[in-house]
N, C-alpha and C. Protein backbone atom coordinates (compact mmCIF):
# COMPACT_ATOMS: atom_id res chain seq x y z
N MET A 1 -14.73 -118.92 185.66
CA MET A 1 -15.79 -117.96 185.48
C MET A 1 -15.17 -116.60 185.18
N GLU A 2 -15.80 -115.88 184.27
CA GLU A 2 -15.32 -114.55 183.88
C GLU A 2 -16.42 -113.52 184.11
N ILE A 3 -16.06 -112.39 184.70
CA ILE A 3 -16.99 -111.26 184.85
C ILE A 3 -16.47 -110.13 183.97
N LYS A 4 -17.30 -109.67 183.05
CA LYS A 4 -16.91 -108.59 182.15
C LYS A 4 -17.78 -107.37 182.42
N HIS A 5 -17.14 -106.21 182.46
CA HIS A 5 -17.85 -104.94 182.69
C HIS A 5 -17.66 -104.05 181.47
N VAL A 6 -18.75 -103.48 180.98
CA VAL A 6 -18.72 -102.54 179.86
C VAL A 6 -19.45 -101.28 180.30
N GLU A 7 -18.86 -100.12 180.01
CA GLU A 7 -19.49 -98.85 180.40
C GLU A 7 -19.31 -97.85 179.27
N LYS A 8 -20.39 -97.13 178.94
CA LYS A 8 -20.32 -96.14 177.87
C LYS A 8 -21.45 -95.14 178.04
N ALA A 9 -21.12 -93.88 178.03
CA ALA A 9 -22.10 -92.78 178.02
C ALA A 9 -23.16 -92.91 179.11
N GLY A 10 -22.73 -93.16 180.33
CA GLY A 10 -23.65 -93.18 181.45
C GLY A 10 -24.45 -94.45 181.63
N ARG A 11 -24.16 -95.46 180.83
CA ARG A 11 -24.82 -96.76 180.95
C ARG A 11 -23.75 -97.83 181.04
N GLY A 12 -24.12 -98.97 181.58
CA GLY A 12 -23.14 -100.04 181.66
C GLY A 12 -23.80 -101.38 181.93
N GLY A 13 -22.96 -102.38 181.99
CA GLY A 13 -23.47 -103.71 182.27
C GLY A 13 -22.36 -104.66 182.66
N PHE A 14 -22.77 -105.74 183.29
CA PHE A 14 -21.87 -106.82 183.68
C PHE A 14 -22.42 -108.12 183.13
N VAL A 15 -21.52 -108.98 182.71
CA VAL A 15 -21.90 -110.31 182.24
C VAL A 15 -20.98 -111.31 182.91
N ILE A 16 -21.55 -112.39 183.42
CA ILE A 16 -20.77 -113.51 183.96
C ILE A 16 -20.88 -114.65 182.97
N ARG A 17 -19.74 -115.19 182.55
CA ARG A 17 -19.70 -116.35 181.64
C ARG A 17 -18.94 -117.48 182.31
N ASP A 18 -19.33 -118.70 181.97
CA ASP A 18 -18.60 -119.85 182.50
C ASP A 18 -17.36 -120.12 181.64
N GLU A 19 -16.63 -121.17 181.96
CA GLU A 19 -15.38 -121.49 181.26
C GLU A 19 -15.59 -121.77 179.78
N ALA A 20 -16.78 -122.24 179.41
CA ALA A 20 -17.09 -122.52 178.01
C ALA A 20 -17.62 -121.30 177.27
N GLY A 21 -17.75 -120.17 177.96
CA GLY A 21 -18.24 -118.95 177.35
C GLY A 21 -19.74 -118.76 177.41
N LYS A 22 -20.45 -119.68 178.06
CA LYS A 22 -21.90 -119.57 178.19
C LYS A 22 -22.26 -118.44 179.15
N ARG A 23 -23.20 -117.58 178.74
CA ARG A 23 -23.66 -116.48 179.57
C ARG A 23 -24.49 -117.04 180.72
N LEU A 24 -24.03 -116.77 181.96
CA LEU A 24 -24.72 -117.26 183.14
C LEU A 24 -25.55 -116.20 183.83
N ALA A 25 -25.10 -114.95 183.79
CA ALA A 25 -25.82 -113.88 184.47
C ALA A 25 -25.46 -112.55 183.84
N GLU A 26 -26.38 -111.59 183.98
CA GLU A 26 -26.13 -110.25 183.46
C GLU A 26 -26.87 -109.22 184.29
N MET A 27 -26.33 -108.01 184.26
CA MET A 27 -26.96 -106.88 184.93
C MET A 27 -26.64 -105.63 184.12
N THR A 28 -27.63 -104.80 183.87
CA THR A 28 -27.37 -103.52 183.22
C THR A 28 -27.80 -102.39 184.15
N TYR A 29 -27.18 -101.23 183.96
CA TYR A 29 -27.45 -100.10 184.85
C TYR A 29 -27.30 -98.79 184.10
N THR A 30 -27.86 -97.74 184.72
CA THR A 30 -27.72 -96.36 184.25
C THR A 30 -27.14 -95.55 185.40
N VAL A 31 -26.15 -94.71 185.10
CA VAL A 31 -25.57 -93.84 186.11
C VAL A 31 -26.57 -92.71 186.39
N ALA A 32 -26.84 -92.47 187.68
CA ALA A 32 -27.80 -91.44 188.08
C ALA A 32 -27.06 -90.43 188.97
N GLY A 33 -26.45 -89.45 188.35
CA GLY A 33 -25.70 -88.46 189.12
C GLY A 33 -24.32 -88.98 189.47
N THR A 34 -23.74 -88.41 190.51
CA THR A 34 -22.37 -88.78 190.89
C THR A 34 -22.31 -89.81 192.00
N THR A 35 -23.45 -90.13 192.62
CA THR A 35 -23.41 -91.03 193.77
C THR A 35 -24.37 -92.22 193.67
N ALA A 36 -24.99 -92.40 192.52
CA ALA A 36 -25.98 -93.49 192.45
C ALA A 36 -26.01 -94.13 191.07
N ILE A 37 -26.49 -95.36 191.03
CA ILE A 37 -26.77 -96.04 189.78
C ILE A 37 -28.17 -96.64 189.90
N ILE A 38 -28.80 -96.84 188.75
CA ILE A 38 -30.10 -97.51 188.70
C ILE A 38 -29.88 -98.84 187.98
N ILE A 39 -30.08 -99.93 188.69
CA ILE A 39 -29.99 -101.25 188.07
C ILE A 39 -31.32 -101.50 187.38
N ASP A 40 -31.28 -101.57 186.03
CA ASP A 40 -32.53 -101.67 185.30
C ASP A 40 -32.81 -103.06 184.73
N HIS A 41 -31.86 -103.97 184.86
CA HIS A 41 -32.11 -105.33 184.38
C HIS A 41 -31.15 -106.30 185.05
N THR A 42 -31.65 -107.42 185.50
CA THR A 42 -30.81 -108.54 185.92
C THR A 42 -31.38 -109.80 185.29
N GLY A 43 -30.51 -110.72 185.00
CA GLY A 43 -30.96 -111.99 184.44
C GLY A 43 -29.96 -113.07 184.78
N VAL A 44 -30.45 -114.27 185.02
CA VAL A 44 -29.57 -115.40 185.29
C VAL A 44 -30.04 -116.61 184.51
N ASP A 45 -29.11 -117.47 184.17
CA ASP A 45 -29.41 -118.73 183.52
C ASP A 45 -30.26 -119.59 184.46
N ASP A 46 -31.11 -120.42 183.89
CA ASP A 46 -31.96 -121.29 184.71
C ASP A 46 -31.16 -122.13 185.70
N SER A 47 -29.94 -122.49 185.34
CA SER A 47 -29.12 -123.32 186.23
C SER A 47 -28.73 -122.60 187.52
N LEU A 48 -28.85 -121.27 187.54
CA LEU A 48 -28.46 -120.48 188.72
C LEU A 48 -29.65 -119.90 189.48
N ARG A 49 -30.85 -120.15 189.01
CA ARG A 49 -32.03 -119.60 189.68
C ARG A 49 -32.08 -120.05 191.14
N GLY A 50 -32.46 -119.11 192.01
CA GLY A 50 -32.57 -119.41 193.44
C GLY A 50 -31.27 -119.30 194.20
N GLN A 51 -30.17 -118.95 193.53
CA GLN A 51 -28.87 -118.85 194.20
C GLN A 51 -28.48 -117.40 194.47
N HIS A 52 -29.35 -116.45 194.19
CA HIS A 52 -29.15 -115.02 194.46
C HIS A 52 -27.95 -114.42 193.71
N VAL A 53 -27.66 -114.94 192.54
CA VAL A 53 -26.54 -114.42 191.75
C VAL A 53 -26.80 -112.97 191.36
N GLY A 54 -28.02 -112.63 190.96
CA GLY A 54 -28.35 -111.26 190.57
C GLY A 54 -28.23 -110.28 191.71
N GLU A 55 -28.42 -110.76 192.93
CA GLU A 55 -28.33 -109.88 194.11
C GLU A 55 -26.92 -109.78 194.65
N GLY A 56 -26.09 -110.77 194.41
CA GLY A 56 -24.80 -110.82 195.08
C GLY A 56 -23.59 -110.62 194.21
N SER A 57 -23.34 -111.53 193.30
CA SER A 57 -22.07 -111.56 192.58
C SER A 57 -21.79 -110.30 191.80
N ILE A 58 -22.69 -109.86 190.97
CA ILE A 58 -22.42 -108.72 190.11
C ILE A 58 -22.41 -107.41 190.91
N PRO A 59 -23.43 -107.12 191.72
CA PRO A 59 -23.35 -105.87 192.50
C PRO A 59 -22.15 -105.81 193.42
N THR A 60 -21.76 -106.93 194.02
CA THR A 60 -20.59 -106.94 194.88
C THR A 60 -19.34 -106.59 194.07
N TYR A 61 -19.22 -107.14 192.88
CA TYR A 61 -18.10 -106.83 192.01
C TYR A 61 -18.08 -105.34 191.68
N PHE A 62 -19.25 -104.78 191.37
CA PHE A 62 -19.33 -103.36 191.02
C PHE A 62 -18.93 -102.48 192.19
N LEU A 63 -19.41 -102.78 193.37
CA LEU A 63 -19.12 -101.96 194.55
C LEU A 63 -17.66 -102.02 194.95
N ALA A 64 -16.98 -103.10 194.60
CA ALA A 64 -15.57 -103.24 194.94
C ALA A 64 -14.69 -102.36 194.05
N LYS A 65 -15.21 -101.88 192.95
CA LYS A 65 -14.41 -101.05 192.01
C LYS A 65 -14.21 -99.65 192.53
């Protein structure tokens, strides 16, 4: 599994892909000042629904940075 982060001009996003390159989950955000972000979109593949991927994996990765 690969997690990719892209950030540009106060906006950013994360994408999780499986070994075959299939997009499994995504999250986009906007930077709001120096201490906050606004998560404006999350999405997961149907195969991951109900596993809380949008709540856990990507935000946890972001907070660890």
